[in-house]
Amino acid sequence: MDLIRHIAAGLGGGVAFLIFYLWLGDAPSLSIGAGVAAYAALQLIFGALLPGADAGQGGGSAAADILTLADGHLDAINHLAGVTPSAVARRLRRLEDVALPVVYQVQEHPEEAMAQRRLLTFYLGLGRRLGEHALRIHQLRGDAHPSLAKIGAMLDEVTGAFTERAESARAAELSRLETELAVLERSLETERGA
């Protein structure tokens, strides 16, 4: 779809150039400017009219960007879980466990990427930075430094954000299903009464 958009905009720009150069007799530089302006305008118009035009494979470049960033964070968190002290490592693994279903959800339904963006970019990035700080503190001060306990508590909060989001999503789905059930019950009662 993206290729077609570029071809159509290019043809439009070429036609604009020819009109300005051959038919109106403008200077070549003005005609080229008109062609470029027409190309850019058509790109914008096609982008607005075809919302999936620059979305790639059904998901959107935003979803791909978010997933790429999330994968980088998850890879780093996985690595850090293997080299940080055990209390922090357990929390990093737990964060990874609760984040993966969100990543899978966005992979299956790219249209939900923006709704999950904060979790997959900010919170996962924060978890990664906390893991990196824990590793650095461990290297400088050892396993018993009090900052490691603070980092562990902060990792619990980051994990809590994912868990809370999952619970609210389940509650919304349950509410939607209950509403559909109520509508079906009313429809059945109406059919019986008719």
N, C-alpha and C. Protein backbone atom coordinates (compact mmCIF):
# COMPACT_ATOMS: atom_id res chain seq x y z
N MET A 1 0.82 -1.19 0.00
CA MET A 1 0.00 0.00 0.00
C MET A 1 0.87 1.25 0.00
N ASP A 2 1.96 1.22 0.74
CA ASP A 2 2.86 2.37 0.82
C ASP A 2 3.49 2.64 -0.55
N LEU A 3 3.87 1.59 -1.26
CA LEU A 3 4.47 1.74 -2.58
C LEU A 3 3.48 2.37 -3.56
N ILE A 4 2.24 1.93 -3.50
CA ILE A 4 1.21 2.49 -4.37
C ILE A 4 1.02 3.97 -4.09
N ARG A 5 1.04 4.32 -2.81
CA ARG A 5 0.90 5.73 -2.44
C ARG A 5 2.04 6.57 -3.02
N HIS A 6 3.27 6.06 -2.93
CA HIS A 6 4.42 6.78 -3.47
C HIS A 6 4.33 6.91 -5.00
N ILE A 7 3.92 5.84 -5.65
CA ILE A 7 3.79 5.87 -7.11
C ILE A 7 2.73 6.87 -7.53
N ALA A 8 1.57 6.83 -6.88
CA ALA A 8 0.49 7.76 -7.23
C ALA A 8 0.91 9.21 -6.98
N ALA A 9 1.57 9.46 -5.86
CA ALA A 9 2.02 10.82 -5.57
C ALA A 9 3.09 11.25 -6.57
N GLY A 10 3.96 10.33 -6.96
CA GLY A 10 4.99 10.64 -7.96
C GLY A 10 4.38 10.98 -9.31
N LEU A 11 3.37 10.21 -9.70
CA LEU A 11 2.67 10.50 -10.95
C LEU A 11 2.00 11.87 -10.90
N GLY A 12 1.38 12.16 -9.77
CA GLY A 12 0.74 13.46 -9.60
C GLY A 12 1.74 14.60 -9.67
N GLY A 13 2.90 14.40 -9.03
CA GLY A 13 3.95 15.41 -9.09
C GLY A 13 4.48 15.59 -10.50
N GLY A 14 4.62 14.49 -11.22
CA GLY A 14 5.08 14.55 -12.61
C GLY A 14 4.10 15.28 -13.50
N VAL A 15 2.82 15.00 -13.31
CA VAL A 15 1.79 15.68 -14.09
C VAL A 15 1.81 17.18 -13.78
N ALA A 16 1.96 17.53 -12.51
CA ALA A 16 2.03 18.95 -12.14
C ALA A 16 3.22 19.62 -12.81
N PHE A 17 4.37 18.92 -12.83
CA PHE A 17 5.56 19.48 -13.50
C PHE A 17 5.27 19.74 -14.97
N LEU A 18 4.70 18.73 -15.63
CA LEU A 18 4.41 18.87 -17.06
C LEU A 18 3.42 19.99 -17.34
N ILE A 19 2.40 20.10 -16.51
CA ILE A 19 1.42 21.17 -16.71
C ILE A 19 2.08 22.54 -16.57
N PHE A 20 2.88 22.69 -15.53
CA PHE A 20 3.52 23.99 -15.31
C PHE A 20 4.58 24.28 -16.38
N TYR A 21 5.31 23.27 -16.80
CA TYR A 21 6.41 23.51 -17.73
C TYR A 21 5.93 23.63 -19.18
N LEU A 22 5.13 22.66 -19.61
CA LEU A 22 4.73 22.63 -21.03
C LEU A 22 3.51 23.50 -21.32
N TRP A 23 2.51 23.40 -20.51
CA TRP A 23 1.26 24.07 -20.81
C TRP A 23 1.29 25.54 -20.41
N LEU A 24 1.78 25.81 -19.17
CA LEU A 24 1.82 27.20 -18.70
C LEU A 24 3.10 27.92 -19.09
N GLY A 25 4.11 27.18 -19.51
CA GLY A 25 5.35 27.78 -19.97
C GLY A 25 6.20 28.39 -18.86
N ASP A 26 6.07 27.87 -17.64
CA ASP A 26 6.89 28.38 -16.53
C ASP A 26 8.33 27.92 -16.66
N ALA A 27 9.20 28.59 -15.93
CA ALA A 27 10.62 28.21 -15.91
C ALA A 27 10.76 26.81 -15.32
N PRO A 28 11.81 26.07 -15.72
CA PRO A 28 11.99 24.72 -15.20
C PRO A 28 12.07 24.67 -13.67
N SER A 29 12.73 25.63 -13.06
CA SER A 29 12.86 25.60 -11.60
C SER A 29 11.49 25.77 -10.92
N LEU A 30 10.64 26.64 -11.44
CA LEU A 30 9.30 26.80 -10.88
C LEU A 30 8.46 25.55 -11.13
N SER A 31 8.63 24.95 -12.27
CA SER A 31 7.88 23.74 -12.59
C SER A 31 8.30 22.58 -11.69
N ILE A 32 9.60 22.48 -11.43
CA ILE A 32 10.09 21.43 -10.52
C ILE A 32 9.52 21.67 -9.13
N GLY A 33 9.53 22.93 -8.69
CA GLY A 33 8.95 23.26 -7.38
C GLY A 33 7.49 22.89 -7.29
N ALA A 34 6.74 23.15 -8.37
CA ALA A 34 5.32 22.79 -8.40
C ALA A 34 5.15 21.28 -8.34
N GLY A 35 6.01 20.55 -9.04
CA GLY A 35 5.94 19.09 -9.02
C GLY A 35 6.23 18.52 -7.64
N VAL A 36 7.26 19.07 -6.99
CA VAL A 36 7.61 18.61 -5.63
C VAL A 36 6.48 18.95 -4.66
N ALA A 37 5.92 20.15 -4.78
CA ALA A 37 4.81 20.54 -3.90
C ALA A 37 3.61 19.62 -4.11
N ALA A 38 3.33 19.29 -5.37
CA ALA A 38 2.21 18.38 -5.66
C ALA A 38 2.47 17.00 -5.07
N TYR A 39 3.71 16.52 -5.20
CA TYR A 39 4.07 15.21 -4.63
C TYR A 39 3.84 15.21 -3.12
N ALA A 40 4.35 16.24 -2.44
CA ALA A 40 4.22 16.32 -0.99
C ALA A 40 2.75 16.42 -0.58
N ALA A 41 1.99 17.23 -1.30
CA ALA A 41 0.58 17.38 -0.98
C ALA A 41 -0.17 16.07 -1.16
N LEU A 42 0.12 15.36 -2.23
CA LEU A 42 -0.54 14.07 -2.47
C LEU A 42 -0.15 13.05 -1.41
N GLN A 43 1.10 13.07 -0.96
CA GLN A 43 1.51 12.16 0.12
C GLN A 43 0.68 12.43 1.37
N LEU A 44 0.51 13.70 1.71
CA LEU A 44 -0.29 14.05 2.89
C LEU A 44 -1.75 13.66 2.71
N ILE A 45 -2.28 13.92 1.54
CA ILE A 45 -3.68 13.58 1.28
C ILE A 45 -3.88 12.07 1.35
N PHE A 46 -3.02 11.31 0.69
CA PHE A 46 -3.15 9.85 0.73
C PHE A 46 -2.95 9.32 2.15
N GLY A 47 -2.03 9.92 2.89
CA GLY A 47 -1.82 9.51 4.28
C GLY A 47 -3.05 9.72 5.13
N ALA A 48 -3.77 10.81 4.89
CA ALA A 48 -4.99 11.09 5.65
C ALA A 48 -6.15 10.22 5.19
N LEU A 49 -6.25 9.98 3.89
CA LEU A 49 -7.36 9.19 3.36
C LEU A 49 -7.19 7.70 3.59
N LEU A 50 -5.96 7.25 3.61
CA LEU A 50 -5.66 5.84 3.80
C LEU A 50 -4.91 5.67 5.11
N PRO A 51 -5.63 5.59 6.26
CA PRO A 51 -4.95 5.58 7.54
C PRO A 51 -3.98 4.43 7.72
N GLY A 52 -4.17 3.32 7.02
CA GLY A 52 -3.24 2.21 7.14
C GLY A 52 -2.12 2.28 6.14
N ALA A 53 -2.02 3.36 5.39
CA ALA A 53 -1.05 3.43 4.30
C ALA A 53 0.37 3.34 4.77
N ASP A 54 0.68 4.01 5.87
CA ASP A 54 2.05 3.87 6.35
C ASP A 54 2.09 3.00 7.59
N ALA A 55 1.13 2.14 7.72
CA ALA A 55 1.05 1.29 8.88
C ALA A 55 1.81 -0.01 8.72
N GLY A 56 2.31 -0.30 7.57
CA GLY A 56 3.05 -1.54 7.39
C GLY A 56 2.09 -2.71 7.37
N GLN A 57 2.51 -3.82 7.93
CA GLN A 57 1.73 -5.05 7.93
C GLN A 57 0.63 -5.00 8.98
N GLY A 58 -0.45 -4.31 8.71
CA GLY A 58 -1.63 -4.34 9.55
C GLY A 58 -1.44 -3.82 10.94
N GLY A 59 -0.29 -3.33 11.34
CA GLY A 59 -0.13 -2.96 12.71
C GLY A 59 0.29 -1.54 12.91
N GLY A 60 0.96 -1.00 11.99
CA GLY A 60 1.39 0.37 12.15
C GLY A 60 2.83 0.46 12.55
N SER A 61 3.43 1.49 12.07
CA SER A 61 4.83 1.70 12.41
C SER A 61 4.96 2.03 13.88
N ALA A 62 3.92 2.65 14.48
CA ALA A 62 3.97 2.94 15.91
C ALA A 62 4.06 1.64 16.70
N ALA A 63 3.26 0.66 16.33
CA ALA A 63 3.31 -0.63 17.02
C ALA A 63 4.67 -1.28 16.85
N ALA A 64 5.21 -1.23 15.64
CA ALA A 64 6.52 -1.82 15.40
C ALA A 64 7.60 -1.11 16.21
N ASP A 65 7.53 0.21 16.28
CA ASP A 65 8.51 0.96 17.06
C ASP A 65 8.41 0.63 18.55
N ILE A 66 7.18 0.57 19.05
CA ILE A 66 6.97 0.26 20.47
C ILE A 66 7.45 -1.14 20.77
N LEU A 67 7.14 -2.10 19.90
CA LEU A 67 7.57 -3.48 20.13
C LEU A 67 9.09 -3.62 20.04
N THR A 68 9.72 -2.90 19.14
CA THR A 68 11.18 -2.94 19.03
C THR A 68 11.81 -2.43 20.31
N LEU A 69 11.30 -1.32 20.81
CA LEU A 69 11.82 -0.75 22.05
C LEU A 69 11.58 -1.70 23.22
N ALA A 70 10.38 -2.26 23.29
CA ALA A 70 10.05 -3.19 24.37
C ALA A 70 10.94 -4.43 24.31
N ASP A 71 11.19 -4.95 23.12
CA ASP A 71 12.07 -6.12 22.98
C ASP A 71 13.48 -5.81 23.47
N GLY A 72 13.97 -4.62 23.16
CA GLY A 72 15.29 -4.22 23.65
C GLY A 72 15.33 -4.16 25.16
N HIS A 73 14.28 -3.59 25.76
CA HIS A 73 14.21 -3.53 27.22
C HIS A 73 14.14 -4.93 27.82
N LEU A 74 13.31 -5.79 27.22
CA LEU A 74 13.17 -7.15 27.75
C LEU A 74 14.46 -7.95 27.62
N ASP A 75 15.17 -7.79 26.52
CA ASP A 75 16.46 -8.47 26.37
C ASP A 75 17.43 -8.02 27.45
N ALA A 76 17.48 -6.71 27.70
CA ALA A 76 18.38 -6.19 28.73
C ALA A 76 17.95 -6.68 30.11
N ILE A 77 16.65 -6.69 30.38
CA ILE A 77 16.16 -7.15 31.68
C ILE A 77 16.49 -8.63 31.87
N ASN A 78 16.33 -9.42 30.83
CA ASN A 78 16.67 -10.84 30.89
C ASN A 78 18.15 -11.02 31.21
N HIS A 79 19.00 -10.26 30.55
CA HIS A 79 20.44 -10.33 30.82
C HIS A 79 20.75 -9.90 32.25
N LEU A 80 20.15 -8.79 32.68
CA LEU A 80 20.41 -8.27 34.02
C LEU A 80 19.94 -9.24 35.10
N ALA A 81 18.87 -9.98 34.83
CA ALA A 81 18.38 -10.95 35.80
C ALA A 81 19.40 -12.05 36.05
N GLY A 82 20.29 -12.26 35.10
CA GLY A 82 21.32 -13.28 35.27
C GLY A 82 22.58 -12.79 35.95
N VAL A 83 22.73 -11.48 36.12
CA VAL A 83 23.99 -10.96 36.68
C VAL A 83 23.80 -10.09 37.91
N THR A 84 22.56 -9.84 38.32
CA THR A 84 22.32 -9.03 39.50
C THR A 84 22.13 -9.93 40.72
N PRO A 85 22.18 -9.35 41.93
CA PRO A 85 21.94 -10.15 43.14
C PRO A 85 20.57 -10.83 43.08
N SER A 86 20.44 -11.94 43.77
CA SER A 86 19.26 -12.79 43.62
C SER A 86 17.94 -12.09 43.94
N ALA A 87 17.89 -11.23 44.95
CA ALA A 87 16.64 -10.54 45.28
C ALA A 87 16.19 -9.64 44.14
N VAL A 88 17.12 -8.95 43.53
CA VAL A 88 16.81 -8.09 42.39
C VAL A 88 16.51 -8.95 41.17
N ALA A 89 17.26 -10.01 40.98
CA ALA A 89 17.07 -10.89 39.82
C ALA A 89 15.67 -11.49 39.81
N ARG A 90 15.17 -11.90 40.99
CA ARG A 90 13.81 -12.45 41.07
C ARG A 90 12.78 -11.42 40.62
N ARG A 91 12.99 -10.20 41.05
CA ARG A 91 12.04 -9.14 40.69
C ARG A 91 12.13 -8.81 39.20
N LEU A 92 13.31 -8.84 38.65
CA LEU A 92 13.47 -8.59 37.21
C LEU A 92 12.78 -9.70 36.41
N ARG A 93 12.93 -10.94 36.86
CA ARG A 93 12.26 -12.04 36.16
C ARG A 93 10.74 -11.93 36.27
N ARG A 94 10.28 -11.50 37.44
CA ARG A 94 8.83 -11.31 37.62
C ARG A 94 8.32 -10.21 36.68
N LEU A 95 9.09 -9.11 36.58
CA LEU A 95 8.72 -8.03 35.66
C LEU A 95 8.65 -8.56 34.23
N GLU A 96 9.63 -9.34 33.86
CA GLU A 96 9.63 -9.92 32.51
C GLU A 96 8.41 -10.81 32.30
N ASP A 97 8.06 -11.60 33.32
CA ASP A 97 6.91 -12.50 33.22
C ASP A 97 5.59 -11.76 33.03
N VAL A 98 5.43 -10.61 33.71
CA VAL A 98 4.17 -9.88 33.58
C VAL A 98 4.16 -8.98 32.34
N ALA A 99 5.34 -8.64 31.82
CA ALA A 99 5.41 -7.77 30.63
C ALA A 99 5.20 -8.56 29.34
N LEU A 100 5.65 -9.80 29.31
CA LEU A 100 5.55 -10.58 28.07
C LEU A 100 4.13 -10.73 27.54
N PRO A 101 3.13 -11.00 28.39
CA PRO A 101 1.76 -11.07 27.84
C PRO A 101 1.30 -9.77 27.19
N VAL A 102 1.75 -8.64 27.71
CA VAL A 102 1.39 -7.35 27.10
C VAL A 102 2.03 -7.24 25.72
N VAL A 103 3.29 -7.67 25.62
CA VAL A 103 3.99 -7.65 24.33
C VAL A 103 3.27 -8.56 23.34
N TYR A 104 2.90 -9.75 23.79
CA TYR A 104 2.20 -10.69 22.90
C TYR A 104 0.85 -10.11 22.46
N GLN A 105 0.17 -9.44 23.37
CA GLN A 105 -1.12 -8.82 23.04
C GLN A 105 -0.95 -7.78 21.94
N VAL A 106 0.09 -6.95 22.05
CA VAL A 106 0.32 -5.91 21.04
C VAL A 106 0.75 -6.55 19.72
N GLN A 107 1.50 -7.65 19.79
CA GLN A 107 1.89 -8.33 18.56
C GLN A 107 0.66 -8.87 17.83
N GLU A 108 -0.29 -9.41 18.59
CA GLU A 108 -1.50 -9.96 17.98
C GLU A 108 -2.48 -8.87 17.55
N HIS A 109 -2.51 -7.77 18.30
CA HIS A 109 -3.45 -6.68 18.04
C HIS A 109 -2.69 -5.36 18.03
N PRO A 110 -2.00 -5.05 16.92
CA PRO A 110 -1.17 -3.84 16.85
C PRO A 110 -1.95 -2.55 17.08
N GLU A 111 -3.25 -2.58 16.86
CA GLU A 111 -4.04 -1.37 17.08
C GLU A 111 -4.08 -0.97 18.56
N GLU A 112 -3.69 -1.88 19.45
CA GLU A 112 -3.66 -1.59 20.89
C GLU A 112 -2.31 -1.04 21.35
N ALA A 113 -1.40 -0.84 20.43
CA ALA A 113 -0.04 -0.42 20.80
C ALA A 113 -0.03 0.88 21.57
N MET A 114 -0.79 1.85 21.12
CA MET A 114 -0.76 3.15 21.79
C MET A 114 -1.34 3.06 23.20
N ALA A 115 -2.30 2.19 23.41
CA ALA A 115 -2.87 2.02 24.75
C ALA A 115 -1.87 1.39 25.70
N GLN A 116 -0.96 0.59 25.17
CA GLN A 116 0.04 -0.10 26.00
C GLN A 116 1.40 0.59 25.96
N ARG A 117 1.48 1.70 25.25
CA ARG A 117 2.78 2.37 25.03
C ARG A 117 3.48 2.71 26.35
N ARG A 118 2.76 3.28 27.30
CA ARG A 118 3.39 3.69 28.56
C ARG A 118 4.01 2.50 29.28
N LEU A 119 3.29 1.39 29.30
CA LEU A 119 3.83 0.20 29.96
C LEU A 119 5.08 -0.30 29.25
N LEU A 120 5.00 -0.39 27.93
CA LEU A 120 6.08 -1.02 27.18
C LEU A 120 7.29 -0.12 26.96
N THR A 121 7.12 1.17 27.09
CA THR A 121 8.26 2.06 26.89
C THR A 121 8.74 2.62 28.22
N PHE A 122 7.87 3.34 28.92
CA PHE A 122 8.29 3.99 30.16
C PHE A 122 8.58 2.98 31.27
N TYR A 123 7.59 2.14 31.60
CA TYR A 123 7.77 1.23 32.73
C TYR A 123 8.84 0.17 32.48
N LEU A 124 8.85 -0.40 31.28
CA LEU A 124 9.92 -1.37 30.98
C LEU A 124 11.28 -0.69 30.97
N GLY A 125 11.35 0.51 30.43
CA GLY A 125 12.61 1.27 30.44
C GLY A 125 13.06 1.57 31.85
N LEU A 126 12.10 1.91 32.71
CA LEU A 126 12.42 2.17 34.11
C LEU A 126 12.93 0.89 34.78
N GLY A 127 12.27 -0.23 34.51
CA GLY A 127 12.74 -1.50 35.06
C GLY A 127 14.15 -1.83 34.61
N ARG A 128 14.42 -1.56 33.36
CA ARG A 128 15.77 -1.79 32.82
C ARG A 128 16.80 -0.92 33.54
N ARG A 129 16.49 0.37 33.69
CA ARG A 129 17.43 1.28 34.36
C ARG A 129 17.64 0.88 35.82
N LEU A 130 16.57 0.46 36.47
CA LEU A 130 16.72 0.00 37.86
C LEU A 130 17.63 -1.22 37.92
N GLY A 131 17.46 -2.15 36.99
CA GLY A 131 18.33 -3.32 36.94
C GLY A 131 19.78 -2.93 36.69
N GLU A 132 20.00 -1.97 35.80
CA GLU A 132 21.37 -1.51 35.53
C GLU A 132 21.99 -0.85 36.76
N HIS A 133 21.19 -0.06 37.49
CA HIS A 133 21.69 0.55 38.72
C HIS A 133 22.01 -0.52 39.76
N ALA A 134 21.13 -1.52 39.86
CA ALA A 134 21.38 -2.60 40.82
C ALA A 134 22.68 -3.31 40.50
N LEU A 135 22.92 -3.57 39.23
CA LEU A 135 24.17 -4.23 38.84
C LEU A 135 25.37 -3.37 39.20
N ARG A 136 25.28 -2.09 38.93
CA ARG A 136 26.41 -1.19 39.23
C ARG A 136 26.66 -1.10 40.74
N ILE A 137 25.59 -1.00 41.53
CA ILE A 137 25.75 -0.96 42.99
C ILE A 137 26.33 -2.27 43.48
N HIS A 138 25.86 -3.37 42.93
CA HIS A 138 26.38 -4.69 43.30
C HIS A 138 27.88 -4.76 43.00
N GLN A 139 28.29 -4.25 41.86
CA GLN A 139 29.71 -4.28 41.49
C GLN A 139 30.55 -3.39 42.39
N LEU A 140 30.00 -2.26 42.80
CA LEU A 140 30.76 -1.31 43.61
C LEU A 140 30.72 -1.63 45.10
N ARG A 141 29.56 -2.08 45.60
CA ARG A 141 29.38 -2.21 47.05
C ARG A 141 29.00 -3.61 47.53
N GLY A 142 28.68 -4.51 46.64
CA GLY A 142 28.32 -5.85 47.06
C GLY A 142 26.82 -6.03 47.23
N ASP A 143 26.43 -7.23 47.70
CA ASP A 143 25.02 -7.60 47.79
C ASP A 143 24.26 -6.94 48.94
N ALA A 144 24.95 -6.45 49.94
CA ALA A 144 24.28 -5.98 51.16
C ALA A 144 24.00 -4.49 51.17
N HIS A 145 24.26 -3.79 50.12
CA HIS A 145 24.06 -2.33 50.13
C HIS A 145 22.57 -2.01 50.23
N PRO A 146 22.19 -1.05 51.11
CA PRO A 146 20.77 -0.74 51.31
C PRO A 146 20.04 -0.24 50.06
N SER A 147 20.75 0.32 49.13
CA SER A 147 20.10 0.80 47.90
C SER A 147 19.48 -0.34 47.10
N LEU A 148 20.02 -1.54 47.24
CA LEU A 148 19.46 -2.68 46.52
C LEU A 148 18.04 -2.98 46.98
N ALA A 149 17.78 -2.80 48.29
CA ALA A 149 16.42 -3.01 48.79
C ALA A 149 15.47 -1.96 48.21
N LYS A 150 15.93 -0.72 48.10
CA LYS A 150 15.10 0.34 47.50
C LYS A 150 14.81 0.02 46.04
N ILE A 151 15.83 -0.45 45.34
CA ILE A 151 15.64 -0.81 43.93
C ILE A 151 14.63 -1.95 43.82
N GLY A 152 14.73 -2.92 44.72
CA GLY A 152 13.77 -4.02 44.72
C GLY A 152 12.34 -3.54 44.91
N ALA A 153 12.15 -2.60 45.84
CA ALA A 153 10.81 -2.06 46.08
C ALA A 153 10.31 -1.30 44.85
N MET A 154 11.20 -0.57 44.20
CA MET A 154 10.80 0.16 43.00
C MET A 154 10.45 -0.80 41.87
N LEU A 155 11.19 -1.89 41.76
CA LEU A 155 10.86 -2.90 40.74
C LEU A 155 9.49 -3.52 41.02
N ASP A 156 9.16 -3.70 42.31
CA ASP A 156 7.83 -4.20 42.65
C ASP A 156 6.74 -3.24 42.18
N GLU A 157 7.00 -1.94 42.29
CA GLU A 157 6.03 -0.95 41.83
C GLU A 157 5.87 -1.00 40.31
N VAL A 158 6.98 -1.17 39.61
CA VAL A 158 6.92 -1.26 38.15
C VAL A 158 6.12 -2.50 37.75
N THR A 159 6.39 -3.61 38.40
CA THR A 159 5.64 -4.84 38.13
C THR A 159 4.17 -4.64 38.46
N GLY A 160 3.91 -3.92 39.55
CA GLY A 160 2.53 -3.63 39.94
C GLY A 160 1.76 -2.86 38.87
N ALA A 161 2.45 -1.98 38.16
CA ALA A 161 1.80 -1.23 37.08
C ALA A 161 1.30 -2.19 36.00
N PHE A 162 2.11 -3.18 35.67
CA PHE A 162 1.69 -4.17 34.66
C PHE A 162 0.54 -5.01 35.19
N THR A 163 0.64 -5.45 36.43
CA THR A 163 -0.40 -6.29 37.02
C THR A 163 -1.72 -5.52 37.11
N GLU A 164 -1.63 -4.26 37.55
CA GLU A 164 -2.82 -3.42 37.66
C GLU A 164 -3.48 -3.22 36.31
N ARG A 165 -2.67 -2.99 35.31
CA ARG A 165 -3.19 -2.79 33.95
C ARG A 165 -3.89 -4.06 33.45
N ALA A 166 -3.28 -5.20 33.73
CA ALA A 166 -3.88 -6.47 33.30
C ALA A 166 -5.21 -6.71 34.01
N GLU A 167 -5.26 -6.39 35.32
CA GLU A 167 -6.50 -6.58 36.07
C GLU A 167 -7.60 -5.66 35.57
N SER A 168 -7.24 -4.40 35.26
CA SER A 168 -8.26 -3.48 34.76
C SER A 168 -8.73 -3.91 33.37
N ALA A 169 -7.84 -4.47 32.56
CA ALA A 169 -8.24 -4.97 31.24
C ALA A 169 -9.18 -6.16 31.39
N ARG A 170 -8.87 -7.05 32.35
CA ARG A 170 -9.76 -8.19 32.60
C ARG A 170 -11.12 -7.72 33.10
N ALA A 171 -11.13 -6.71 33.98
CA ALA A 171 -12.38 -6.18 34.50
C ALA A 171 -13.21 -5.56 33.38
N ALA A 172 -12.56 -4.84 32.48
CA ALA A 172 -13.27 -4.23 31.35
C ALA A 172 -13.85 -5.31 30.44
N GLU A 173 -13.09 -6.35 30.19
CA GLU A 173 -13.57 -7.46 29.35
C GLU A 173 -14.75 -8.16 30.01
N LEU A 174 -14.66 -8.39 31.33
CA LEU A 174 -15.75 -9.02 32.06
C LEU A 174 -17.00 -8.15 32.01
N SER A 175 -16.83 -6.85 32.18
CA SER A 175 -17.97 -5.93 32.11
C SER A 175 -18.61 -5.97 30.73
N ARG A 176 -17.79 -5.99 29.69
CA ARG A 176 -18.31 -6.05 28.32
C ARG A 176 -19.09 -7.35 28.11
N LEU A 177 -18.54 -8.47 28.61
CA LEU A 177 -19.23 -9.75 28.45
C LEU A 177 -20.54 -9.78 29.22
N GLU A 178 -20.55 -9.19 30.42
CA GLU A 178 -21.79 -9.15 31.20
C GLU A 178 -22.85 -8.30 30.50
N THR A 179 -22.42 -7.21 29.89
CA THR A 179 -23.36 -6.36 29.14
C THR A 179 -23.93 -7.12 27.96
N GLU A 180 -23.08 -7.82 27.23
CA GLU A 180 -23.56 -8.62 26.09
C GLU A 180 -24.53 -9.70 26.56
N LEU A 181 -24.23 -10.32 27.70
CA LEU A 181 -25.11 -11.35 28.24
C LEU A 181 -26.47 -10.76 28.59
N ALA A 182 -26.48 -9.58 29.21
CA ALA A 182 -27.75 -8.93 29.56
C ALA A 182 -28.56 -8.61 28.31
N VAL A 183 -27.90 -8.14 27.27
CA VAL A 183 -28.59 -7.84 26.00
C VAL A 183 -29.17 -9.12 25.40
N LEU A 184 -28.40 -10.19 25.43
CA LEU A 184 -28.90 -11.47 24.90
C LEU A 184 -30.08 -11.98 25.71
N GLU A 185 -30.02 -11.83 27.04
CA GLU A 185 -31.14 -12.26 27.88
C GLU A 185 -32.41 -11.47 27.55
N ARG A 186 -32.26 -10.16 27.39
CA ARG A 186 -33.42 -9.32 27.04
C ARG A 186 -33.97 -9.71 25.67
N SER A 187 -33.09 -9.98 24.74
CA SER A 187 -33.54 -10.40 23.40
C SER A 187 -34.32 -11.69 23.48
N LEU A 188 -33.83 -12.62 24.28
CA LEU A 188 -34.51 -13.90 24.44
C LEU A 188 -35.87 -13.72 25.08
N GLU A 189 -35.94 -12.87 26.11
CA GLU A 189 -37.22 -12.60 26.77
C GLU A 189 -38.20 -11.94 25.81
N THR A 190 -37.69 -11.03 24.98
CA THR A 190 -38.53 -10.35 24.00
C THR A 190 -39.08 -11.35 22.99
N GLU A 191 -38.23 -12.26 22.55
CA GLU A 191 -38.66 -13.28 21.58
C GLU A 191 -39.70 -14.20 22.18
N ARG A 192 -39.54 -14.55 23.46
CA ARG A 192 -40.52 -15.43 24.11
C ARG A 192 -41.86 -14.73 24.25
N GLY A 193 -41.79 -13.43 24.56
CA GLY A 193 -43.02 -12.66 24.76
C GLY A 193 -43.73 -12.31 23.47
N ALA A 194 -43.03 -12.37 22.35
CA ALA A 194 -43.63 -11.97 21.07
C ALA A 194 -44.49 -13.03 20.46
